[in-house]
Amino acid sequence: MSLPQTQIYTEADYYNLPENVRAELIDGNLIYNQAAPSRIHQTILMELAGTIRDYLKLKGGPCRVYPAPFAVRLREDRQTIVEPDISVICDRSKLTDRGCTGAPDWIIEIVSPSNSSHDYVLKLNLYANAGVREYWIVDPVRESIFVYYLEQAHFKAEAHTFQEQIRVNIYDDFYIDFASLDL
């Protein structure tokens, strides 16, 4: 008895989705984002993106911050397009009209209760394998931040709370004070 065939979706399928449909393409599978983000999710997203944007503007240089929805095609050789909550890209040659092709330097995901394993397991592995230099998982329910940064081909992990000032490892002088954010 043969197993039923599952459809493998492509980049074209992803870009042909209706505009009001949010989904990610992971290894040829479309994963739909069903629920709208919560108010606290959006507050954290705006506070962090604004803090990062202000730092990048002050420092100058090539890096740019992009909040979701923003398509990131992690690798040329895989059918994977994700929409991180926040992406920081420092190599402008990776930027296209459709988003980013290649690993961003820094990604932040804000956990939703309905898909926490998506961020903690699936995306952690995707981002590590793609070469993302730093990955933060912000959990509003637990008021925690897990910081992963690439060190000699492996992610080093640190756990923090919303009461801490957290160093951004890809910069020498950038700290985000979660206690001072307007959450």
N, C-alpha and C. Protein backbone atom coordinates (compact mmCIF):
# COMPACT_ATOMS: atom_id res chain seq x y z
N MET A 1 0.83 -1.18 0.00
CA MET A 1 0.00 0.00 0.00
C MET A 1 0.88 1.25 0.00
N SER A 2 0.62 2.16 -0.91
CA SER A 2 1.45 3.36 -0.99
C SER A 2 0.86 4.47 -0.13
N LEU A 3 1.75 5.32 0.33
CA LEU A 3 1.35 6.46 1.13
C LEU A 3 0.83 7.57 0.22
N PRO A 4 -0.15 8.34 0.69
CA PRO A 4 -0.64 9.44 -0.14
C PRO A 4 0.46 10.48 -0.34
N GLN A 5 0.49 11.06 -1.50
CA GLN A 5 1.47 12.09 -1.82
C GLN A 5 1.05 13.40 -1.18
N THR A 6 2.01 14.10 -0.60
CA THR A 6 1.73 15.42 -0.07
C THR A 6 2.25 16.44 -1.07
N GLN A 7 1.55 17.53 -1.18
CA GLN A 7 1.95 18.56 -2.13
C GLN A 7 3.16 19.31 -1.60
N ILE A 8 4.11 19.52 -2.45
CA ILE A 8 5.27 20.35 -2.14
C ILE A 8 5.01 21.72 -2.76
N TYR A 9 5.00 22.73 -1.90
CA TYR A 9 4.73 24.07 -2.36
C TYR A 9 6.05 24.76 -2.71
N THR A 10 5.95 25.76 -3.56
CA THR A 10 7.14 26.46 -4.06
C THR A 10 7.08 27.94 -3.67
N GLU A 11 8.16 28.61 -3.98
CA GLU A 11 8.23 30.05 -3.78
C GLU A 11 7.10 30.75 -4.55
N ALA A 12 6.81 30.28 -5.76
CA ALA A 12 5.72 30.87 -6.56
C ALA A 12 4.39 30.71 -5.84
N ASP A 13 4.14 29.55 -5.24
CA ASP A 13 2.90 29.35 -4.48
C ASP A 13 2.81 30.34 -3.32
N TYR A 14 3.92 30.53 -2.63
CA TYR A 14 3.95 31.47 -1.50
C TYR A 14 3.59 32.87 -1.97
N TYR A 15 4.24 33.34 -3.04
CA TYR A 15 4.00 34.70 -3.49
C TYR A 15 2.66 34.88 -4.19
N ASN A 16 1.98 33.79 -4.52
CA ASN A 16 0.65 33.87 -5.12
C ASN A 16 -0.48 33.75 -4.10
N LEU A 17 -0.15 33.68 -2.81
CA LEU A 17 -1.19 33.66 -1.80
C LEU A 17 -1.92 35.00 -1.79
N PRO A 18 -3.20 35.00 -1.45
CA PRO A 18 -3.90 36.29 -1.34
C PRO A 18 -3.22 37.19 -0.32
N GLU A 19 -3.30 38.50 -0.53
CA GLU A 19 -2.61 39.46 0.33
C GLU A 19 -3.02 39.37 1.79
N ASN A 20 -4.25 38.95 2.06
CA ASN A 20 -4.73 38.90 3.44
C ASN A 20 -4.38 37.59 4.14
N VAL A 21 -3.66 36.71 3.47
CA VAL A 21 -3.28 35.42 4.04
C VAL A 21 -1.81 35.49 4.46
N ARG A 22 -1.55 35.23 5.75
CA ARG A 22 -0.17 35.20 6.25
C ARG A 22 0.25 33.75 6.41
N ALA A 23 1.36 33.42 5.80
CA ALA A 23 1.87 32.05 5.87
C ALA A 23 3.38 32.09 5.73
N GLU A 24 4.00 30.97 6.08
CA GLU A 24 5.43 30.78 5.85
C GLU A 24 5.59 29.50 5.06
N LEU A 25 6.63 29.44 4.26
CA LEU A 25 6.95 28.27 3.46
C LEU A 25 8.18 27.63 4.08
N ILE A 26 8.01 26.45 4.66
CA ILE A 26 9.14 25.80 5.32
C ILE A 26 9.34 24.43 4.71
N ASP A 27 10.47 24.27 4.03
CA ASP A 27 10.80 23.03 3.34
C ASP A 27 9.66 22.52 2.48
N GLY A 28 9.03 23.42 1.73
CA GLY A 28 7.98 23.04 0.80
C GLY A 28 6.60 22.90 1.41
N ASN A 29 6.46 23.17 2.70
CA ASN A 29 5.16 23.10 3.38
C ASN A 29 4.69 24.51 3.71
N LEU A 30 3.44 24.81 3.37
CA LEU A 30 2.87 26.09 3.75
C LEU A 30 2.33 25.97 5.16
N ILE A 31 2.78 26.88 6.03
CA ILE A 31 2.31 26.91 7.42
C ILE A 31 1.60 28.24 7.59
N TYR A 32 0.30 28.14 7.81
CA TYR A 32 -0.53 29.34 7.91
C TYR A 32 -0.52 29.90 9.32
N ASN A 33 -0.43 31.21 9.40
CA ASN A 33 -0.53 31.92 10.68
C ASN A 33 -1.99 32.31 10.85
N GLN A 34 -2.70 31.56 11.68
CA GLN A 34 -4.14 31.71 11.80
C GLN A 34 -4.56 32.96 12.57
N ALA A 35 -4.05 33.12 13.76
CA ALA A 35 -4.54 34.18 14.65
C ALA A 35 -3.78 35.48 14.44
N ALA A 36 -4.50 36.58 14.60
CA ALA A 36 -3.85 37.89 14.57
C ALA A 36 -3.01 38.03 15.84
N PRO A 37 -1.89 38.74 15.76
CA PRO A 37 -1.06 38.93 16.95
C PRO A 37 -1.82 39.68 18.04
N SER A 38 -1.47 39.38 19.29
CA SER A 38 -2.11 40.05 20.43
C SER A 38 -1.60 41.49 20.55
N ARG A 39 -2.27 42.25 21.38
CA ARG A 39 -1.86 43.63 21.62
C ARG A 39 -0.45 43.69 22.20
N ILE A 40 -0.14 42.82 23.18
CA ILE A 40 1.19 42.84 23.80
C ILE A 40 2.26 42.43 22.77
N HIS A 41 1.93 41.50 21.91
CA HIS A 41 2.85 41.09 20.83
C HIS A 41 3.19 42.31 19.97
N GLN A 42 2.18 43.06 19.57
CA GLN A 42 2.40 44.22 18.71
C GLN A 42 3.13 45.34 19.46
N THR A 43 2.84 45.50 20.75
CA THR A 43 3.55 46.51 21.55
C THR A 43 5.03 46.18 21.63
N ILE A 44 5.35 44.93 21.93
CA ILE A 44 6.76 44.51 21.99
C ILE A 44 7.43 44.70 20.64
N LEU A 45 6.75 44.30 19.58
CA LEU A 45 7.29 44.44 18.22
C LEU A 45 7.65 45.90 17.93
N MET A 46 6.72 46.81 18.22
CA MET A 46 6.97 48.22 17.91
C MET A 46 8.06 48.82 18.79
N GLU A 47 8.06 48.48 20.09
CA GLU A 47 9.08 49.00 21.00
C GLU A 47 10.48 48.53 20.58
N LEU A 48 10.60 47.24 20.28
CA LEU A 48 11.91 46.71 19.89
C LEU A 48 12.35 47.25 18.54
N ALA A 49 11.47 47.23 17.56
CA ALA A 49 11.83 47.73 16.22
C ALA A 49 12.23 49.20 16.29
N GLY A 50 11.50 50.00 17.08
CA GLY A 50 11.84 51.41 17.22
C GLY A 50 13.18 51.62 17.92
N THR A 51 13.44 50.84 18.97
CA THR A 51 14.72 50.93 19.69
C THR A 51 15.88 50.56 18.77
N ILE A 52 15.70 49.49 18.01
CA ILE A 52 16.75 49.05 17.07
C ILE A 52 16.94 50.09 15.98
N ARG A 53 15.84 50.59 15.40
CA ARG A 53 15.94 51.60 14.35
C ARG A 53 16.69 52.84 14.86
N ASP A 54 16.36 53.29 16.07
CA ASP A 54 17.02 54.47 16.63
C ASP A 54 18.53 54.24 16.80
N TYR A 55 18.90 53.07 17.28
CA TYR A 55 20.33 52.74 17.44
C TYR A 55 21.02 52.73 16.07
N LEU A 56 20.41 52.07 15.09
CA LEU A 56 21.03 51.97 13.77
C LEU A 56 21.17 53.35 13.12
N LYS A 57 20.18 54.20 13.28
CA LYS A 57 20.27 55.55 12.72
C LYS A 57 21.39 56.35 13.38
N LEU A 58 21.50 56.22 14.69
CA LEU A 58 22.54 56.93 15.44
C LEU A 58 23.94 56.49 15.00
N LYS A 59 24.11 55.19 14.80
CA LYS A 59 25.42 54.63 14.45
C LYS A 59 25.74 54.76 12.97
N GLY A 60 24.74 54.90 12.13
CA GLY A 60 24.98 54.91 10.69
C GLY A 60 25.35 53.50 10.25
N GLY A 61 25.82 53.37 9.06
CA GLY A 61 26.21 52.06 8.56
C GLY A 61 25.12 51.42 7.73
N PRO A 62 25.38 50.21 7.29
CA PRO A 62 24.50 49.58 6.31
C PRO A 62 23.28 48.85 6.89
N CYS A 63 23.23 48.59 8.19
CA CYS A 63 22.18 47.73 8.74
C CYS A 63 20.82 48.41 8.70
N ARG A 64 19.79 47.58 8.45
CA ARG A 64 18.40 48.03 8.43
C ARG A 64 17.55 47.06 9.23
N VAL A 65 16.48 47.58 9.85
CA VAL A 65 15.55 46.75 10.62
C VAL A 65 14.22 46.70 9.86
N TYR A 66 13.64 45.48 9.80
CA TYR A 66 12.37 45.27 9.11
C TYR A 66 11.43 44.47 10.00
N PRO A 67 10.29 45.08 10.39
CA PRO A 67 9.29 44.32 11.15
C PRO A 67 8.41 43.50 10.21
N ALA A 68 7.75 42.49 10.76
CA ALA A 68 6.82 41.66 9.99
C ALA A 68 5.62 42.51 9.55
N PRO A 69 5.03 42.16 8.43
CA PRO A 69 5.40 41.07 7.54
C PRO A 69 6.56 41.47 6.63
N PHE A 70 7.57 40.63 6.59
CA PHE A 70 8.75 40.85 5.77
C PHE A 70 9.30 39.47 5.40
N ALA A 71 9.30 39.15 4.13
CA ALA A 71 9.69 37.81 3.67
C ALA A 71 11.20 37.63 3.68
N VAL A 72 11.63 36.52 4.29
CA VAL A 72 13.05 36.16 4.34
C VAL A 72 13.21 34.77 3.73
N ARG A 73 13.85 34.74 2.59
CA ARG A 73 14.18 33.47 1.95
C ARG A 73 15.56 33.08 2.49
N LEU A 74 15.57 32.09 3.39
CA LEU A 74 16.79 31.80 4.13
C LEU A 74 17.92 31.25 3.27
N ARG A 75 17.59 30.41 2.31
CA ARG A 75 18.62 29.79 1.47
C ARG A 75 18.12 29.70 0.04
N GLU A 76 19.05 29.77 -0.88
CA GLU A 76 18.71 29.63 -2.30
C GLU A 76 18.26 28.21 -2.63
N ASP A 77 18.82 27.22 -1.94
CA ASP A 77 18.62 25.83 -2.32
C ASP A 77 17.44 25.16 -1.62
N ARG A 78 16.62 25.90 -0.86
CA ARG A 78 15.50 25.29 -0.15
C ARG A 78 14.24 26.10 -0.37
N GLN A 79 13.13 25.42 -0.30
CA GLN A 79 11.83 26.07 -0.43
C GLN A 79 11.39 26.57 0.95
N THR A 80 12.09 27.58 1.47
CA THR A 80 11.80 28.10 2.80
C THR A 80 11.79 29.61 2.77
N ILE A 81 10.62 30.17 3.11
CA ILE A 81 10.47 31.61 3.26
C ILE A 81 9.75 31.84 4.58
N VAL A 82 10.40 32.56 5.47
CA VAL A 82 9.82 32.84 6.78
C VAL A 82 9.52 34.33 6.90
N GLU A 83 8.70 34.67 7.89
CA GLU A 83 8.38 36.06 8.17
C GLU A 83 8.66 36.34 9.64
N PRO A 84 9.94 36.54 9.99
CA PRO A 84 10.26 36.83 11.39
C PRO A 84 9.56 38.11 11.86
N ASP A 85 9.33 38.19 13.16
CA ASP A 85 8.73 39.41 13.69
C ASP A 85 9.62 40.61 13.44
N ILE A 86 10.94 40.44 13.64
CA ILE A 86 11.90 41.52 13.37
C ILE A 86 13.13 40.90 12.72
N SER A 87 13.58 41.52 11.64
CA SER A 87 14.81 41.10 10.95
C SER A 87 15.75 42.29 10.85
N VAL A 88 17.02 42.05 11.16
CA VAL A 88 18.05 43.07 10.97
C VAL A 88 19.02 42.52 9.93
N ILE A 89 19.16 43.27 8.85
CA ILE A 89 20.02 42.85 7.74
C ILE A 89 21.10 43.90 7.54
N CYS A 90 22.35 43.47 7.57
CA CYS A 90 23.47 44.41 7.42
C CYS A 90 24.12 44.33 6.05
N ASP A 91 23.89 43.27 5.32
CA ASP A 91 24.41 43.11 3.96
C ASP A 91 23.30 43.47 2.99
N ARG A 92 23.34 44.70 2.49
CA ARG A 92 22.24 45.19 1.64
C ARG A 92 22.12 44.43 0.32
N SER A 93 23.14 43.70 -0.06
CA SER A 93 23.03 42.91 -1.30
C SER A 93 22.03 41.75 -1.12
N LYS A 94 21.66 41.44 0.11
CA LYS A 94 20.65 40.41 0.37
C LYS A 94 19.22 40.93 0.19
N LEU A 95 19.06 42.26 0.14
CA LEU A 95 17.73 42.86 0.05
C LEU A 95 17.22 42.86 -1.38
N THR A 96 15.96 42.50 -1.53
CA THR A 96 15.29 42.50 -2.84
C THR A 96 13.98 43.26 -2.68
N ASP A 97 13.27 43.44 -3.78
CA ASP A 97 11.96 44.07 -3.71
C ASP A 97 10.98 43.23 -2.89
N ARG A 98 11.21 41.93 -2.81
CA ARG A 98 10.31 41.04 -2.08
C ARG A 98 10.73 40.81 -0.63
N GLY A 99 11.89 41.27 -0.22
CA GLY A 99 12.35 41.06 1.15
C GLY A 99 13.84 40.83 1.22
N CYS A 100 14.23 39.66 1.74
CA CYS A 100 15.63 39.34 1.96
C CYS A 100 15.91 37.93 1.44
N THR A 101 17.02 37.76 0.75
CA THR A 101 17.47 36.44 0.34
C THR A 101 18.79 36.18 1.02
N GLY A 102 18.78 35.22 1.94
CA GLY A 102 19.95 34.90 2.75
C GLY A 102 19.63 35.17 4.21
N ALA A 103 20.53 34.75 5.07
CA ALA A 103 20.30 34.85 6.51
C ALA A 103 20.45 36.29 6.99
N PRO A 104 19.43 36.82 7.69
CA PRO A 104 19.62 38.11 8.36
C PRO A 104 20.68 37.99 9.45
N ASP A 105 21.22 39.10 9.87
CA ASP A 105 22.22 39.09 10.94
C ASP A 105 21.57 38.82 12.30
N TRP A 106 20.35 39.33 12.47
CA TRP A 106 19.67 39.21 13.76
C TRP A 106 18.18 39.05 13.50
N ILE A 107 17.59 38.08 14.15
CA ILE A 107 16.14 37.85 14.05
C ILE A 107 15.56 37.82 15.46
N ILE A 108 14.40 38.44 15.60
CA ILE A 108 13.64 38.38 16.85
C ILE A 108 12.27 37.80 16.54
N GLU A 109 11.89 36.78 17.28
CA GLU A 109 10.54 36.22 17.20
C GLU A 109 9.86 36.46 18.54
N ILE A 110 8.61 36.90 18.49
CA ILE A 110 7.81 37.11 19.69
C ILE A 110 6.82 35.96 19.75
N VAL A 111 6.90 35.17 20.79
CA VAL A 111 6.14 33.93 20.91
C VAL A 111 4.65 34.21 21.05
N SER A 112 3.87 33.46 20.30
CA SER A 112 2.42 33.42 20.49
C SER A 112 2.10 32.10 21.16
N PRO A 113 1.18 32.08 22.11
CA PRO A 113 0.87 30.83 22.82
C PRO A 113 0.49 29.68 21.89
N SER A 114 -0.11 29.99 20.76
CA SER A 114 -0.57 28.93 19.86
C SER A 114 0.54 28.28 19.04
N ASN A 115 1.72 28.92 18.96
CA ASN A 115 2.78 28.35 18.13
C ASN A 115 4.16 28.42 18.78
N SER A 116 4.24 28.26 20.09
CA SER A 116 5.52 28.43 20.76
C SER A 116 6.58 27.44 20.28
N SER A 117 6.21 26.18 19.99
CA SER A 117 7.21 25.21 19.53
C SER A 117 7.76 25.62 18.17
N HIS A 118 6.98 26.34 17.40
CA HIS A 118 7.42 26.84 16.10
C HIS A 118 8.66 27.70 16.26
N ASP A 119 8.64 28.61 17.25
CA ASP A 119 9.77 29.52 17.47
C ASP A 119 10.91 28.86 18.23
N TYR A 120 10.58 28.07 19.26
CA TYR A 120 11.60 27.47 20.13
C TYR A 120 12.35 26.30 19.47
N VAL A 121 11.70 25.59 18.56
CA VAL A 121 12.33 24.39 17.99
C VAL A 121 12.56 24.55 16.49
N LEU A 122 11.47 24.65 15.73
CA LEU A 122 11.57 24.67 14.27
C LEU A 122 12.42 25.85 13.78
N LYS A 123 12.06 27.05 14.21
CA LYS A 123 12.79 28.22 13.71
C LYS A 123 14.20 28.31 14.28
N LEU A 124 14.39 27.91 15.52
CA LEU A 124 15.74 27.89 16.08
C LEU A 124 16.66 27.06 15.20
N ASN A 125 16.21 25.89 14.80
CA ASN A 125 17.03 25.03 13.93
C ASN A 125 17.19 25.61 12.53
N LEU A 126 16.12 26.16 11.97
CA LEU A 126 16.22 26.79 10.65
C LEU A 126 17.24 27.92 10.66
N TYR A 127 17.14 28.79 11.66
CA TYR A 127 18.02 29.95 11.72
C TYR A 127 19.47 29.55 11.99
N ALA A 128 19.68 28.57 12.84
CA ALA A 128 21.04 28.09 13.10
C ALA A 128 21.65 27.52 11.82
N ASN A 129 20.89 26.70 11.11
CA ASN A 129 21.40 26.08 9.88
C ASN A 129 21.63 27.09 8.76
N ALA A 130 20.88 28.18 8.77
CA ALA A 130 21.03 29.20 7.73
C ALA A 130 22.17 30.17 8.02
N GLY A 131 22.66 30.20 9.27
CA GLY A 131 23.76 31.10 9.62
C GLY A 131 23.34 32.44 10.18
N VAL A 132 22.12 32.52 10.74
CA VAL A 132 21.70 33.75 11.42
C VAL A 132 22.65 33.96 12.60
N ARG A 133 23.22 35.16 12.71
CA ARG A 133 24.23 35.40 13.74
C ARG A 133 23.66 35.52 15.14
N GLU A 134 22.43 36.04 15.25
CA GLU A 134 21.81 36.20 16.57
C GLU A 134 20.31 36.02 16.42
N TYR A 135 19.73 35.28 17.38
CA TYR A 135 18.29 34.99 17.37
C TYR A 135 17.75 35.17 18.77
N TRP A 136 16.72 36.02 18.90
CA TRP A 136 16.07 36.25 20.18
C TRP A 136 14.66 35.70 20.12
N ILE A 137 14.28 34.99 21.17
CA ILE A 137 12.89 34.55 21.34
C ILE A 137 12.34 35.31 22.53
N VAL A 138 11.36 36.15 22.29
CA VAL A 138 10.74 36.97 23.33
C VAL A 138 9.40 36.33 23.69
N ASP A 139 9.24 35.96 24.94
CA ASP A 139 8.02 35.29 25.40
C ASP A 139 7.25 36.21 26.34
N PRO A 140 6.17 36.85 25.85
CA PRO A 140 5.42 37.80 26.67
C PRO A 140 4.73 37.14 27.88
N VAL A 141 4.31 35.91 27.76
CA VAL A 141 3.62 35.24 28.86
C VAL A 141 4.59 34.98 30.01
N ARG A 142 5.77 34.47 29.71
CA ARG A 142 6.77 34.18 30.73
C ARG A 142 7.65 35.38 31.07
N GLU A 143 7.48 36.45 30.30
CA GLU A 143 8.32 37.64 30.44
C GLU A 143 9.80 37.25 30.41
N SER A 144 10.15 36.47 29.38
CA SER A 144 11.53 36.01 29.23
C SER A 144 12.02 36.25 27.82
N ILE A 145 13.32 36.31 27.70
CA ILE A 145 13.99 36.46 26.42
C ILE A 145 15.11 35.44 26.37
N PHE A 146 15.09 34.61 25.34
CA PHE A 146 16.20 33.68 25.12
C PHE A 146 17.03 34.25 23.98
N VAL A 147 18.30 34.43 24.24
CA VAL A 147 19.23 35.00 23.27
C VAL A 147 20.15 33.88 22.81
N TYR A 148 20.16 33.66 21.50
CA TYR A 148 21.05 32.67 20.89
C TYR A 148 21.97 33.44 19.94
N TYR A 149 23.26 33.22 20.08
CA TYR A 149 24.14 33.83 19.10
C TYR A 149 25.17 32.81 18.63
N LEU A 150 25.47 32.94 17.33
CA LEU A 150 26.35 31.99 16.67
C LEU A 150 27.78 32.21 17.12
N GLU A 151 28.36 31.16 17.63
CA GLU A 151 29.75 31.21 18.08
C GLU A 151 30.43 29.95 17.55
N GLN A 152 31.31 30.11 16.57
CA GLN A 152 32.03 29.00 15.96
C GLN A 152 31.09 27.89 15.52
N ALA A 153 30.08 28.24 14.69
CA ALA A 153 29.15 27.32 14.06
C ALA A 153 28.12 26.72 15.02
N HIS A 154 28.04 27.19 16.26
CA HIS A 154 27.01 26.71 17.19
C HIS A 154 26.39 27.91 17.90
N PHE A 155 25.10 27.80 18.19
CA PHE A 155 24.44 28.86 18.95
C PHE A 155 24.81 28.73 20.42
N LYS A 156 25.19 29.84 21.03
CA LYS A 156 25.36 29.93 22.47
C LYS A 156 24.06 30.53 23.01
N ALA A 157 23.54 30.01 24.10
CA ALA A 157 22.24 30.44 24.61
C ALA A 157 22.37 31.15 25.95
N GLU A 158 21.53 32.17 26.13
CA GLU A 158 21.43 32.90 27.40
C GLU A 158 19.95 33.15 27.67
N ALA A 159 19.55 33.08 28.93
CA ALA A 159 18.18 33.38 29.33
C ALA A 159 18.13 34.68 30.10
N HIS A 160 17.12 35.50 29.81
CA HIS A 160 16.96 36.80 30.45
C HIS A 160 15.49 37.02 30.82
N THR A 161 15.23 38.07 31.58
CA THR A 161 13.87 38.44 31.95
C THR A 161 13.56 39.84 31.42
N PHE A 162 12.30 40.23 31.54
CA PHE A 162 11.88 41.57 31.12
C PHE A 162 12.39 42.65 32.07
N GLN A 163 13.09 42.27 33.13
CA GLN A 163 13.63 43.25 34.08
C GLN A 163 15.11 43.54 33.82
N GLU A 164 15.66 42.97 32.75
CA GLU A 164 17.10 43.08 32.51
C GLU A 164 17.44 43.97 31.32
N GLN A 165 18.69 44.39 31.33
CA GLN A 165 19.30 45.05 30.18
C GLN A 165 20.07 43.96 29.44
N ILE A 166 19.79 43.81 28.16
CA ILE A 166 20.35 42.69 27.41
C ILE A 166 21.29 43.20 26.32
N ARG A 167 22.47 42.62 26.27
CA ARG A 167 23.45 42.99 25.26
C ARG A 167 23.09 42.35 23.92
N VAL A 168 23.17 43.14 22.88
CA VAL A 168 23.02 42.64 21.51
C VAL A 168 24.42 42.22 21.08
N ASN A 169 24.61 40.94 20.89
CA ASN A 169 25.95 40.39 20.68
C ASN A 169 26.60 40.76 19.35
N ILE A 170 25.81 41.11 18.34
CA ILE A 170 26.42 41.44 17.05
C ILE A 170 26.95 42.88 17.00
N TYR A 171 26.72 43.64 18.09
CA TYR A 171 27.26 44.99 18.21
C TYR A 171 28.07 45.08 19.50
N ASP A 172 29.04 45.99 19.52
CA ASP A 172 29.89 46.14 20.70
C ASP A 172 29.24 46.98 21.80
N ASP A 173 28.34 47.87 21.44
CA ASP A 173 27.86 48.84 22.42
C ASP A 173 26.34 48.99 22.45
N PHE A 174 25.61 47.95 22.10
CA PHE A 174 24.16 48.05 22.04
C PHE A 174 23.53 47.13 23.08
N TYR A 175 22.76 47.74 23.96
CA TYR A 175 22.01 47.02 25.00
C TYR A 175 20.56 47.45 24.91
N ILE A 176 19.65 46.53 25.13
CA ILE A 176 18.24 46.86 25.18
C ILE A 176 17.77 46.62 26.60
N ASP A 177 17.26 47.68 27.21
CA ASP A 177 16.77 47.63 28.58
C ASP A 177 15.27 47.35 28.54
N PHE A 178 14.91 46.09 28.73
CA PHE A 178 13.50 45.70 28.65
C PHE A 178 12.67 46.41 29.72
N ALA A 179 13.24 46.67 30.88
CA ALA A 179 12.50 47.33 31.95
C ALA A 179 12.08 48.75 31.56
N SER A 180 12.83 49.37 30.66
CA SER A 180 12.52 50.74 30.27
C SER A 180 11.58 50.80 29.06
N LEU A 181 11.30 49.67 28.43
CA LEU A 181 10.38 49.68 27.30
C LEU A 181 8.96 49.93 27.80
N ASP A 182 8.16 50.55 27.00
CA ASP A 182 6.78 50.88 27.39
C ASP A 182 5.87 49.69 27.10
N LEU A 183 6.01 48.66 27.92
CA LEU A 183 5.21 47.44 27.74
C LEU A 183 4.06 47.48 28.70
